[in-house]
Amino acid sequence: MKTKLLAGAMALALVGCSEKNSESLREAPAYDMAPIDASEAVPTQSIPAPVAAPPGAMRSPNIGVSSAPGVAFNYSYAFRLDDNRIAKVQEEHAAACEALGINRCRIAGMTYRLVRENEVEAQLLFKLDPAIARKFGRDALASVEKAEGVLAATRISGEDVGTQISDSQRRSANLNAEIARLEKRLKQGGLGDRERAELQQQIAGMRRQLDGESDTRRTGEAMLATTPMQFDYVGTGGLPGIGYGNPFSDALNMLVHSGSVMLSFLLVVGAAILPWAVLFALLLAIWRTRPLLGARKWLRGATRPPEASLTAA
């Protein structure tokens, strides 16, 4: 009997513990196990949203160029869009540079050329603050895509100017040390005139090298201070209202181009032949005038043999 009572008490205790555990599980907070959005985990930064490209347009690879200390970058973009929209997009890019101020963006050059009646080529050159160069290029591409254009080519090159400046500083330090050593040698006595002149020539040559190294560093610092950027605008040669990449536009452009080539050929050939044809027609008209006809008859009568004259009689 005692054993049965003890077993019953233990069973009641186990039931109570299990109920308490189940209640604690029910009261435990429910954690959200959904995957975390990576954009929420990253600190908030102003990341521009990508601009949708026109239907059928090809996009360039979205590869970020990491800015490295001491590297001078050079950006070059080629945009292709309808010829009648090039001037407007070029003005937008120039206005965007002017809005940044001359301390951050300067226009270094501009060209706009009408190649043929409906074909345009243009170019813009900028000097930009290196910190905003890549964003300026992305914004420019966005405005081109808004005008239904595409990025035809891009090139970003870099030059390790910082290493060149460091090497120049090291060479200048060695030159200064050598100049100090030679000047110390000049201050010592017992030097002949020839040896003294040679030492002075060496010092003068080293000072010229120092000036060259200073110019090298100034050039490198100027390259690091501004980033060149070039925009080339190439038209599609299409008609207004026909977008880029339209097969009908391409066929019509080919037809117009072939027709213009044929017309140019005919005009050149005509210009070469027409003066001679006019001269020949003028000589022929003179040849058939009444005086010349009479002169030809007289000449034929004068040259007729006497036998032929008697036979005719």
Protein backbone atom coordinates (compact mmCIF):
# COMPACT_ATOMS: atom_id res chain seq x y z
CA MET A 1 0.00 0.00 0.00
CA LYS A 2 2.79 2.46 0.84
CA THR A 3 4.42 1.68 -2.47
CA LYS A 4 1.21 2.42 -4.37
CA LEU A 5 0.72 5.71 -2.51
CA LEU A 6 4.31 6.75 -3.24
CA ALA A 7 3.92 5.92 -6.94
CA GLY A 8 0.67 7.92 -7.14
CA ALA A 9 2.28 10.95 -5.52
CA MET A 10 5.18 10.82 -7.97
CA ALA A 11 2.76 10.58 -10.91
CA LEU A 12 0.84 13.61 -9.68
CA ALA A 13 4.11 15.52 -9.34
CA LEU A 14 5.18 14.63 -12.89
CA VAL A 15 1.80 15.70 -14.27
CA GLY A 16 2.08 19.03 -12.47
CA CYS A 17 5.59 19.61 -13.81
CA SER A 18 4.53 18.80 -17.36
CA GLU A 19 1.58 21.18 -17.12
CA LYS A 20 3.86 23.93 -15.81
CA ASN A 21 6.32 23.34 -18.65
CA SER A 22 3.54 23.48 -21.22
CA GLU A 23 2.24 26.71 -19.71
CA SER A 24 5.74 28.22 -19.79
CA LEU A 25 6.04 27.22 -23.43
CA ARG A 26 2.71 28.83 -24.20
CA GLU A 27 3.78 32.01 -22.40
CA ALA A 28 7.19 32.15 -24.14
CA PRO A 29 7.48 34.95 -26.78
CA ALA A 30 7.13 33.87 -30.40
CA TYR A 31 10.24 34.98 -32.39
CA ASP A 32 9.85 35.91 -36.04
CA MET A 33 12.05 33.54 -38.04
CA ALA A 34 11.46 35.25 -41.38
CA PRO A 35 14.66 36.07 -43.32
CA ILE A 36 16.08 39.50 -42.62
CA ASP A 37 16.14 41.97 -45.50
CA ALA A 38 19.74 42.86 -46.24
CA SER A 39 18.82 46.44 -47.04
CA GLU A 40 17.47 46.87 -43.50
CA ALA A 41 20.61 45.49 -41.90
CA VAL A 42 22.88 47.94 -43.73
CA PRO A 43 23.21 51.41 -42.18
CA THR A 44 21.00 53.94 -43.89
CA GLN A 45 22.73 55.56 -46.85
CA SER A 46 21.49 57.53 -49.82
CA ILE A 47 21.63 54.84 -52.50
CA PRO A 48 19.96 55.94 -55.72
CA ALA A 49 17.39 53.59 -57.13
CA PRO A 50 18.28 52.11 -60.51
CA VAL A 51 16.59 53.70 -63.46
CA ALA A 52 14.69 51.37 -65.76
CA ALA A 53 16.19 51.12 -69.23
CA PRO A 54 14.02 51.50 -72.32
CA PRO A 55 12.50 48.28 -73.66
CA GLY A 56 15.02 46.25 -75.61
CA ALA A 57 17.97 48.39 -74.53
CA MET A 58 21.21 46.84 -73.34
CA ARG A 59 22.60 47.90 -69.97
CA SER A 60 26.26 48.11 -69.07
CA PRO A 61 27.56 45.96 -66.21
CA ASN A 62 26.87 47.58 -62.84
CA ILE A 63 30.41 47.33 -61.49
CA GLY A 64 31.45 49.71 -58.74
CA VAL A 65 34.93 51.23 -58.93
CA SER A 66 36.33 51.48 -55.41
CA SER A 67 38.07 54.76 -54.82
CA ALA A 68 41.62 54.09 -53.64
CA PRO A 69 43.87 56.67 -52.01
CA GLY A 70 46.39 58.01 -54.46
CA VAL A 71 44.63 56.70 -57.60
CA ALA A 72 43.56 59.26 -60.20
CA PHE A 73 40.58 58.06 -62.22
CA ASN A 74 39.54 59.08 -65.72
CA TYR A 75 35.93 58.48 -66.84
CA SER A 76 34.70 58.22 -70.41
CA TYR A 77 31.10 57.55 -71.53
CA ALA A 78 29.59 57.19 -75.00
CA PHE A 79 25.82 57.68 -75.27
CA ARG A 80 23.66 56.76 -78.25
CA LEU A 81 20.26 58.35 -78.69
CA ASP A 82 18.06 59.96 -81.30
CA ASP A 83 19.76 62.86 -83.04
CA ASN A 84 16.93 65.30 -82.31
CA ARG A 85 17.36 64.67 -78.55
CA ILE A 86 21.13 65.07 -78.28
CA ALA A 87 21.08 68.86 -77.82
CA LYS A 88 18.54 68.68 -74.98
CA VAL A 89 20.40 65.93 -73.11
CA GLN A 90 23.69 67.77 -73.58
CA GLU A 91 22.13 70.91 -72.10
CA GLU A 92 20.82 68.89 -69.13
CA HIS A 93 24.28 67.51 -68.40
CA ALA A 94 25.85 70.96 -68.65
CA ALA A 95 23.18 72.41 -66.35
CA ALA A 96 23.79 69.62 -63.81
CA CYS A 97 27.48 70.52 -63.74
CA GLU A 98 26.76 74.22 -63.35
CA ALA A 99 24.39 73.48 -60.45
CA LEU A 100 27.24 71.81 -58.53
CA GLY A 101 29.38 74.95 -58.63
CA ILE A 102 32.81 75.58 -60.09
CA ASN A 103 34.54 74.11 -57.04
CA ARG A 104 33.00 70.69 -57.68
CA CYS A 105 32.39 70.65 -61.43
CA ARG A 106 33.71 72.67 -64.36
CA ILE A 107 32.98 72.33 -68.07
CA ALA A 108 36.33 71.99 -69.84
CA GLY A 109 35.02 71.77 -73.41
CA MET A 110 31.92 71.35 -75.57
CA THR A 111 31.30 70.44 -79.22
CA TYR A 112 28.13 69.99 -81.27
CA ARG A 113 28.39 69.03 -84.92
CA LEU A 114 25.78 68.30 -87.56
CA VAL A 115 27.48 65.63 -89.65
CA ARG A 116 24.69 65.34 -92.21
CA GLU A 117 21.16 66.59 -92.46
CA ASN A 118 19.90 64.29 -89.70
CA GLU A 119 23.08 63.00 -88.01
CA VAL A 120 24.57 64.71 -84.95
CA GLU A 121 27.79 64.21 -82.99
CA ALA A 122 28.49 66.04 -79.74
CA GLN A 123 30.89 65.97 -76.79
CA LEU A 124 31.20 67.41 -73.28
CA LEU A 125 34.36 67.50 -71.15
CA PHE A 126 34.24 67.97 -67.37
CA LYS A 127 36.62 68.44 -64.44
CA LEU A 128 34.95 66.95 -61.36
CA ASP A 129 35.50 66.56 -57.67
CA PRO A 130 36.68 62.93 -57.33
CA ALA A 131 34.15 62.29 -54.55
CA ILE A 132 31.16 62.91 -56.85
CA ALA A 133 32.52 61.68 -60.18
CA ARG A 134 30.90 58.23 -60.20
CA LYS A 135 27.52 59.56 -59.04
CA PHE A 136 27.63 62.27 -61.70
CA GLY A 137 28.17 59.59 -64.35
CA ARG A 138 25.24 57.51 -63.04
CA ASP A 139 22.95 60.53 -63.02
CA ALA A 140 24.00 61.41 -66.56
CA LEU A 141 23.19 57.88 -67.72
CA ALA A 142 19.79 58.13 -66.04
CA SER A 143 18.95 61.27 -68.02
CA VAL A 144 20.06 59.56 -71.23
CA GLU A 145 17.86 56.55 -70.53
CA LYS A 146 14.99 58.90 -69.74
CA ALA A 147 15.41 60.27 -73.27
CA GLU A 148 15.22 56.66 -74.57
CA GLY A 149 18.95 56.48 -75.18
CA VAL A 150 21.50 53.84 -74.23
CA LEU A 151 25.05 53.66 -72.94
CA ALA A 152 27.07 52.57 -75.97
CA ALA A 153 30.49 52.38 -74.27
CA THR A 154 32.21 53.26 -71.02
CA ARG A 155 35.82 53.29 -69.89
CA ILE A 156 37.20 54.01 -66.42
CA SER A 157 40.98 54.09 -66.16
CA GLY A 158 43.11 54.75 -63.12
CA GLU A 159 46.69 55.81 -62.54
CA ASP A 160 48.54 55.21 -59.28
CA VAL A 161 49.66 58.81 -58.79
CA GLY A 162 50.12 58.38 -55.03
CA THR A 163 52.96 55.90 -55.54
CA GLN A 164 54.59 58.27 -58.02
CA ILE A 165 54.39 61.11 -55.49
CA SER A 166 55.88 58.89 -52.77
CA ASP A 167 58.73 57.86 -55.04
CA SER A 168 59.35 61.50 -55.93
CA GLN A 169 59.44 62.48 -52.26
CA ARG A 170 61.95 59.69 -51.59
CA ARG A 171 64.15 60.83 -54.46
CA SER A 172 63.96 64.44 -53.22
CA ALA A 173 65.00 63.33 -49.72
CA ASN A 174 68.02 61.49 -51.16
CA LEU A 175 68.95 64.51 -53.27
CA ASN A 176 68.68 66.84 -50.29
CA ALA A 177 70.88 64.51 -48.23
CA GLU A 178 73.46 64.38 -51.02
CA ILE A 179 73.40 68.16 -51.43
CA ALA A 180 73.93 68.60 -47.68
CA ARG A 181 76.88 66.22 -47.82
CA LEU A 182 78.49 68.05 -50.75
CA GLU A 183 77.94 71.47 -49.17
CA LYS A 184 79.56 70.19 -46.01
CA ARG A 185 82.48 69.04 -48.12
CA LEU A 186 82.73 72.53 -49.69
CA LYS A 187 82.97 74.14 -46.28
CA GLN A 188 85.99 72.04 -45.45
CA GLY A 189 89.40 73.37 -46.33
CA GLY A 190 92.02 71.89 -48.55
CA LEU A 191 89.97 71.83 -51.80
CA GLY A 192 91.47 72.77 -55.11
CA ASP A 193 89.75 75.06 -57.56
CA ARG A 194 88.92 72.20 -59.94
CA GLU A 195 87.45 69.99 -57.21
CA ARG A 196 85.47 72.91 -55.79
CA ALA A 197 84.04 73.71 -59.26
CA GLU A 198 83.05 70.07 -59.79
CA LEU A 199 81.26 69.94 -56.44
CA GLN A 200 79.39 73.16 -57.23
CA GLN A 201 78.31 71.77 -60.62
CA GLN A 202 77.03 68.58 -58.96
CA ILE A 203 75.05 70.60 -56.44
CA ALA A 204 73.54 72.78 -59.18
CA GLY A 205 72.50 69.68 -61.16
CA MET A 206 70.90 68.12 -58.09
CA ARG A 207 68.96 71.31 -57.41
CA ARG A 208 67.60 71.18 -60.95
CA GLN A 209 66.52 67.60 -60.31
CA LEU A 210 64.79 68.79 -57.15
CA ASP A 211 62.85 71.35 -59.19
CA GLY A 212 61.80 68.60 -61.60
CA GLU A 213 60.63 66.39 -58.74
CA SER A 214 58.60 69.29 -57.34
CA ASP A 215 56.89 69.74 -60.72
CA THR A 216 56.13 66.01 -60.82
CA ARG A 217 54.49 66.13 -57.41
CA ARG A 218 52.46 69.24 -58.29
CA THR A 219 51.21 67.54 -61.46
CA GLY A 220 50.23 64.44 -59.51
CA GLU A 221 48.46 66.48 -56.85
CA ALA A 222 46.49 68.28 -59.57
CA MET A 223 45.47 64.92 -61.06
CA LEU A 224 44.24 63.75 -57.66
CA ALA A 225 42.34 66.98 -57.04
CA THR A 226 40.17 66.74 -60.18
CA THR A 227 38.73 63.84 -62.15
CA PRO A 228 38.38 64.24 -65.93
CA MET A 229 35.12 62.98 -67.44
CA GLN A 230 34.20 62.81 -71.11
CA PHE A 231 30.72 62.42 -72.60
CA ASP A 232 30.42 61.47 -76.28
CA TYR A 233 26.98 61.70 -77.88
CA VAL A 234 26.34 59.68 -81.04
CA GLY A 235 23.04 59.89 -82.88
CA THR A 236 21.13 57.01 -84.41
CA GLY A 237 20.35 58.92 -87.60
CA GLY A 238 16.69 58.04 -87.16
CA LEU A 239 13.61 60.09 -87.81
CA PRO A 240 11.96 62.02 -84.96
CA GLY A 241 9.59 59.85 -83.01
CA ILE A 242 11.21 56.55 -83.98
CA GLY A 243 13.07 55.04 -81.06
CA TYR A 244 16.46 53.48 -81.03
CA GLY A 245 16.64 49.87 -82.11
CA ASN A 246 13.47 49.96 -84.24
CA PRO A 247 13.97 47.63 -87.26
CA PHE A 248 11.78 49.83 -89.46
CA SER A 249 13.93 52.82 -88.50
CA ASP A 250 17.10 50.89 -89.35
CA ALA A 251 15.70 49.84 -92.72
CA LEU A 252 14.55 53.37 -93.49
CA ASN A 253 17.94 54.76 -92.49
CA MET A 254 19.66 52.28 -94.79
CA LEU A 255 17.32 53.21 -97.64
CA VAL A 256 17.93 56.93 -97.13
CA HIS A 257 21.68 56.39 -96.86
CA SER A 258 21.81 54.26 -100.03
CA GLY A 259 19.65 56.75 -101.90
CA SER A 260 21.87 59.65 -100.84
CA VAL A 261 24.97 57.75 -101.97
CA MET A 262 23.41 57.00 -105.36
CA LEU A 263 22.26 60.61 -105.77
CA SER A 264 25.73 61.88 -104.90
CA PHE A 265 27.27 59.54 -107.48
CA LEU A 266 24.85 60.70 -110.19
CA LEU A 267 25.53 64.34 -109.36
CA VAL A 268 29.29 63.84 -109.54
CA VAL A 269 29.08 61.98 -112.85
CA GLY A 270 26.65 64.53 -114.23
CA ALA A 271 28.89 67.40 -113.17
CA ALA A 272 31.81 65.75 -114.98
CA ILE A 273 29.92 64.95 -118.24
CA LEU A 274 27.51 67.88 -118.55
CA PRO A 275 30.05 70.56 -119.69
CA TRP A 276 31.35 68.30 -122.48
CA ALA A 277 27.81 67.41 -123.53
CA VAL A 278 26.86 71.10 -123.75
CA LEU A 279 29.99 71.84 -125.78
CA PHE A 280 29.23 68.97 -128.19
CA ALA A 281 25.61 70.12 -128.61
CA LEU A 282 26.79 73.68 -129.29
CA LEU A 283 29.26 72.55 -131.96
CA LEU A 284 26.62 70.36 -133.57
CA ALA A 285 24.17 73.28 -133.72
CA ILE A 286 26.83 75.49 -135.33
CA TRP A 287 27.68 72.73 -137.78
CA ARG A 288 24.06 72.65 -138.98
CA THR A 289 23.64 76.40 -139.46
CA ARG A 290 22.84 77.76 -143.00
CA PRO A 291 26.26 79.35 -143.65
CA LEU A 292 28.07 76.15 -142.81
CA LEU A 293 25.65 74.10 -144.92
CA GLY A 294 26.36 76.37 -147.91
CA ALA A 295 30.06 76.19 -147.27
CA ARG A 296 29.93 72.40 -147.18
CA LYS A 297 28.00 72.27 -150.51
CA TRP A 298 30.49 74.63 -152.12
CA LEU A 299 33.37 72.54 -150.88
CA ARG A 300 31.78 69.37 -152.24
CA GLY A 301 31.25 71.02 -155.65
CA ALA A 302 34.79 72.36 -155.75
CA THR A 303 36.28 69.02 -154.97
CA ARG A 304 34.14 67.05 -157.52
CA PRO A 305 36.25 65.55 -160.44
CA PRO A 306 35.75 66.98 -164.02
CA GLU A 307 34.54 63.58 -165.37
CA ALA A 308 31.78 63.52 -162.81
CA SER A 309 30.74 67.04 -163.89
CA LEU A 310 30.58 66.05 -167.62
CA THR A 311 28.64 62.90 -166.83
CA ALA A 312 26.14 64.90 -164.85
CA ALA A 313 25.79 67.30 -167.81
